Each structure stands twice: as structure tokens, then as C-alpha cells.
Amino acid sequence: MMNELMTRIKLHEGLRLMPYEDSLGKLTIGYGHRMTKVDEITYEHGITQGMAEEIFERDFAKAAAQALSISGGKTWADMGNPRRGVIIEMCFQLGMGGVLKFRRMWDALDKGDYEAAAAEMLDSRWHTQTPKRCKLLANIMKSGGVA
């Protein structure tokens, strides 16, 4: 499951070996890695494919840990792997703080109401910013399977 999830995230993020501004104007590199001030100096002339993979693996591990920590043990256990993957991908794209803002989605998840959770995902600014990705992830959340 993790390899498929990593592949999906990479496809959604795309790969850029030179720094660029994302849709929110944030300096980014690799597979959607938001650069820190240190990164801006370290990677100002770009990165290699190998470096992009290393950065991605660190970012993915961070997103997975964040997803687990904010989901709570029972909610996480009840979701199943495809839905867990949705939360991990949301953490990867939006960061922990962004995912925590989906309060009504979390309320629905705590109740096991995946249809309502999916609806809350679609009723967001995130959906207007990345509609195809959000819709795909909402469908996975709703169905519990690969969309």
C-alpha cells in the first residue's frame, strides 16, 4: 500500500529539480517540498533525482507520522489502508496544520461517516485549489477503496 501511495503522491506533486513558486507563491522543489530558508541556500542551484527521492522519503515519513498522530488510535484503526492513505496524502500536501482545519471532516471520521467526511473534503478551499486531486481523494474516502 505504501509504495502505491508514494507513487500516487509523486504523480500528483510532479517533479521539479529547480526551485519554483507553488500555486500559493511558496518556494518549492522536488516532489512538492516546501523549502525552508536553509533549503533556499542549499538547493538554490537545484537538486538531482536522487536528492529529490531522499527529500521525498523524509517528507513522506513526516506526513505519515502526522496523519497517525492527528487521527487518534481508534479512528486510524477503523479507517483501513485506502482511507489512511488519503489522510497521509492530505498531510503531505496541506501540512498538519492544514489538515487539522477540516474539523467537520474529523468529526465525521470519528463517527465512521465516510460519506460525510468526503463531502467535507469537497466543501473546502482545498477543493477549489486542486479539484481533481481533492475529488479523487474524496472518492477514496467515501468508498474505502481505490478510486
Protein backbone atom coordinates (compact mmCIF):
# COMPACT_ATOMS: atom_id res chain seq x y z
CA MET A 1 0.00 0.00 0.00
CA MET A 2 2.76 2.47 0.90
CA ASN A 3 4.56 2.09 -2.44
CA GLU A 4 1.30 2.73 -4.33
CA LEU A 5 0.57 5.74 -2.13
CA MET A 6 4.06 7.13 -2.64
CA THR A 7 3.69 6.72 -6.40
CA ARG A 8 0.30 8.47 -6.36
CA ILE A 9 1.66 11.39 -4.34
CA LYS A 10 4.63 11.75 -6.70
CA LEU A 11 2.29 11.80 -9.69
CA HIS A 12 0.09 14.44 -8.05
CA GLU A 13 3.03 16.60 -7.00
CA GLY A 14 5.17 16.27 -10.10
CA LEU A 15 8.95 16.56 -10.02
CA ARG A 16 10.87 19.80 -10.36
CA LEU A 17 14.64 19.74 -9.89
CA MET A 18 14.92 23.54 -9.79
CA PRO A 19 13.24 25.77 -7.18
CA TYR A 20 9.85 27.16 -8.21
CA GLU A 21 6.94 29.00 -6.65
CA ASP A 22 3.90 26.82 -5.99
CA SER A 23 0.32 27.98 -6.52
CA LEU A 24 0.44 29.82 -3.18
CA GLY A 25 3.74 31.56 -4.01
CA LYS A 26 5.82 29.36 -1.70
CA LEU A 27 9.28 28.32 -2.86
CA THR A 28 9.20 24.59 -3.58
CA ILE A 29 11.46 21.90 -5.06
CA GLY A 30 11.43 18.18 -5.81
CA TYR A 31 8.11 16.45 -5.25
CA GLY A 32 6.28 19.39 -3.70
CA HIS A 33 8.82 20.03 -0.90
CA ARG A 34 8.21 23.47 0.56
CA MET A 35 11.65 24.97 1.05
CA THR A 36 12.89 26.36 4.34
CA LYS A 37 15.36 29.26 4.49
CA VAL A 38 18.19 26.72 4.80
CA ASP A 39 16.84 24.80 1.80
CA GLU A 40 16.77 28.01 -0.22
CA ILE A 41 20.54 28.32 0.22
CA THR A 42 21.32 24.60 -0.03
CA TYR A 43 19.20 23.93 -3.12
CA GLU A 44 19.34 27.31 -4.89
CA HIS A 45 21.05 25.74 -7.92
CA GLY A 46 18.74 22.74 -7.99
CA ILE A 47 18.84 19.12 -6.92
CA THR A 48 19.43 15.74 -8.52
CA GLN A 49 16.84 13.00 -8.96
CA GLY A 50 18.50 11.13 -6.09
CA MET A 51 18.26 14.14 -3.80
CA ALA A 52 14.59 14.56 -4.75
CA GLU A 53 13.94 10.95 -3.75
CA GLU A 54 15.69 11.43 -0.38
CA ILE A 55 13.75 14.62 0.35
CA PHE A 56 10.51 12.92 -0.67
CA GLU A 57 11.12 9.95 1.64
CA ARG A 58 11.69 12.31 4.60
CA ASP A 59 8.60 14.37 3.73
CA PHE A 60 6.51 11.22 3.29
CA ALA A 61 7.63 9.80 6.66
CA LYS A 62 6.75 13.12 8.31
CA ALA A 63 3.30 13.18 6.67
CA ALA A 64 2.61 9.57 7.73
CA ALA A 65 3.59 10.33 11.33
CA GLN A 66 1.42 13.47 11.33
CA ALA A 67 -1.56 11.57 9.92
CA LEU A 68 -1.32 8.94 12.64
CA SER A 69 -0.89 11.49 15.41
CA ILE A 70 -3.92 13.58 14.45
CA SER A 71 -6.22 10.66 13.61
CA GLY A 72 -6.31 9.08 17.02
CA GLY A 73 -5.87 5.36 17.53
CA LYS A 74 -9.44 4.16 17.08
CA THR A 75 -10.26 6.39 14.11
CA TRP A 76 -6.98 5.39 12.42
CA ALA A 77 -7.61 1.68 13.02
CA ASP A 78 -11.20 1.87 11.76
CA MET A 79 -10.35 3.67 8.51
CA GLY A 80 -8.47 0.96 6.64
CA ASN A 81 -5.45 1.46 4.39
CA PRO A 82 -7.00 3.39 1.47
CA ARG A 83 -8.55 5.99 3.80
CA ARG A 84 -5.36 6.21 5.84
CA GLY A 85 -3.57 6.92 2.57
CA VAL A 86 -5.95 9.83 1.94
CA ILE A 87 -5.07 11.38 5.29
CA ILE A 88 -1.34 10.85 4.67
CA GLU A 89 -1.61 12.50 1.26
CA MET A 90 -3.56 15.39 2.72
CA CYS A 91 -0.83 15.87 5.35
CA PHE A 92 1.80 15.73 2.61
CA GLN A 93 0.06 18.39 0.53
CA LEU A 94 -1.52 20.62 3.18
CA GLY A 95 0.66 20.03 6.23
CA MET A 96 -0.60 19.02 9.63
CA GLY A 97 -1.99 22.47 10.36
CA GLY A 98 -3.97 22.50 7.14
CA VAL A 99 -5.47 19.07 7.75
CA LEU A 100 -6.44 19.96 11.32
CA LYS A 101 -8.64 22.75 9.91
CA PHE A 102 -11.01 20.11 8.49
CA ARG A 103 -12.87 19.94 11.81
CA ARG A 104 -16.17 18.67 10.39
CA MET A 105 -14.31 16.03 8.38
CA TRP A 106 -12.65 14.82 11.59
CA ASP A 107 -16.00 14.77 13.40
CA ALA A 108 -17.40 12.60 10.60
CA LEU A 109 -14.36 10.30 10.65
CA ASP A 110 -14.65 9.85 14.42
CA LYS A 111 -18.23 8.64 13.80
CA GLY A 112 -17.22 6.41 10.88
CA ASP A 113 -19.33 8.51 8.49
CA TYR A 114 -17.07 8.41 5.45
CA GLU A 115 -19.66 9.86 3.09
CA ALA A 116 -19.91 12.99 5.25
CA ALA A 117 -16.11 13.13 5.59
CA ALA A 118 -15.80 13.05 1.81
CA ALA A 119 -18.41 15.79 1.46
CA GLU A 120 -16.45 17.97 3.91
CA MET A 121 -13.30 17.46 1.86
CA LEU A 122 -15.14 18.72 -1.22
CA ASP A 123 -16.61 21.68 0.67
CA SER A 124 -13.23 23.38 1.07
CA ARG A 125 -10.84 25.91 -0.40
CA TRP A 126 -8.52 22.94 -1.00
CA HIS A 127 -11.08 21.57 -3.47
CA THR A 128 -11.08 24.84 -5.41
CA GLN A 129 -7.25 24.90 -5.46
CA THR A 130 -6.68 21.28 -6.58
CA PRO A 131 -10.09 19.99 -7.70
CA LYS A 132 -9.05 16.77 -9.47
CA ARG A 133 -6.82 15.63 -6.62
CA CYS A 134 -9.37 16.51 -3.96
CA LYS A 135 -12.18 14.77 -5.83
CA LEU A 136 -10.11 11.61 -6.25
CA LEU A 137 -9.18 11.53 -2.57
CA ALA A 138 -12.77 12.26 -1.51
CA ASN A 139 -13.94 9.32 -3.64
CA ILE A 140 -11.42 7.05 -1.94
CA MET A 141 -12.54 8.32 1.46
CA LYS A 142 -16.18 7.70 0.58
CA SER A 143 -15.73 4.24 -0.94
CA GLY A 144 -12.87 2.92 1.14
CA GLY A 145 -11.19 1.66 -1.99
CA VAL A 146 -9.07 2.89 -4.82
CA ALA A 147 -10.99 5.41 -6.92
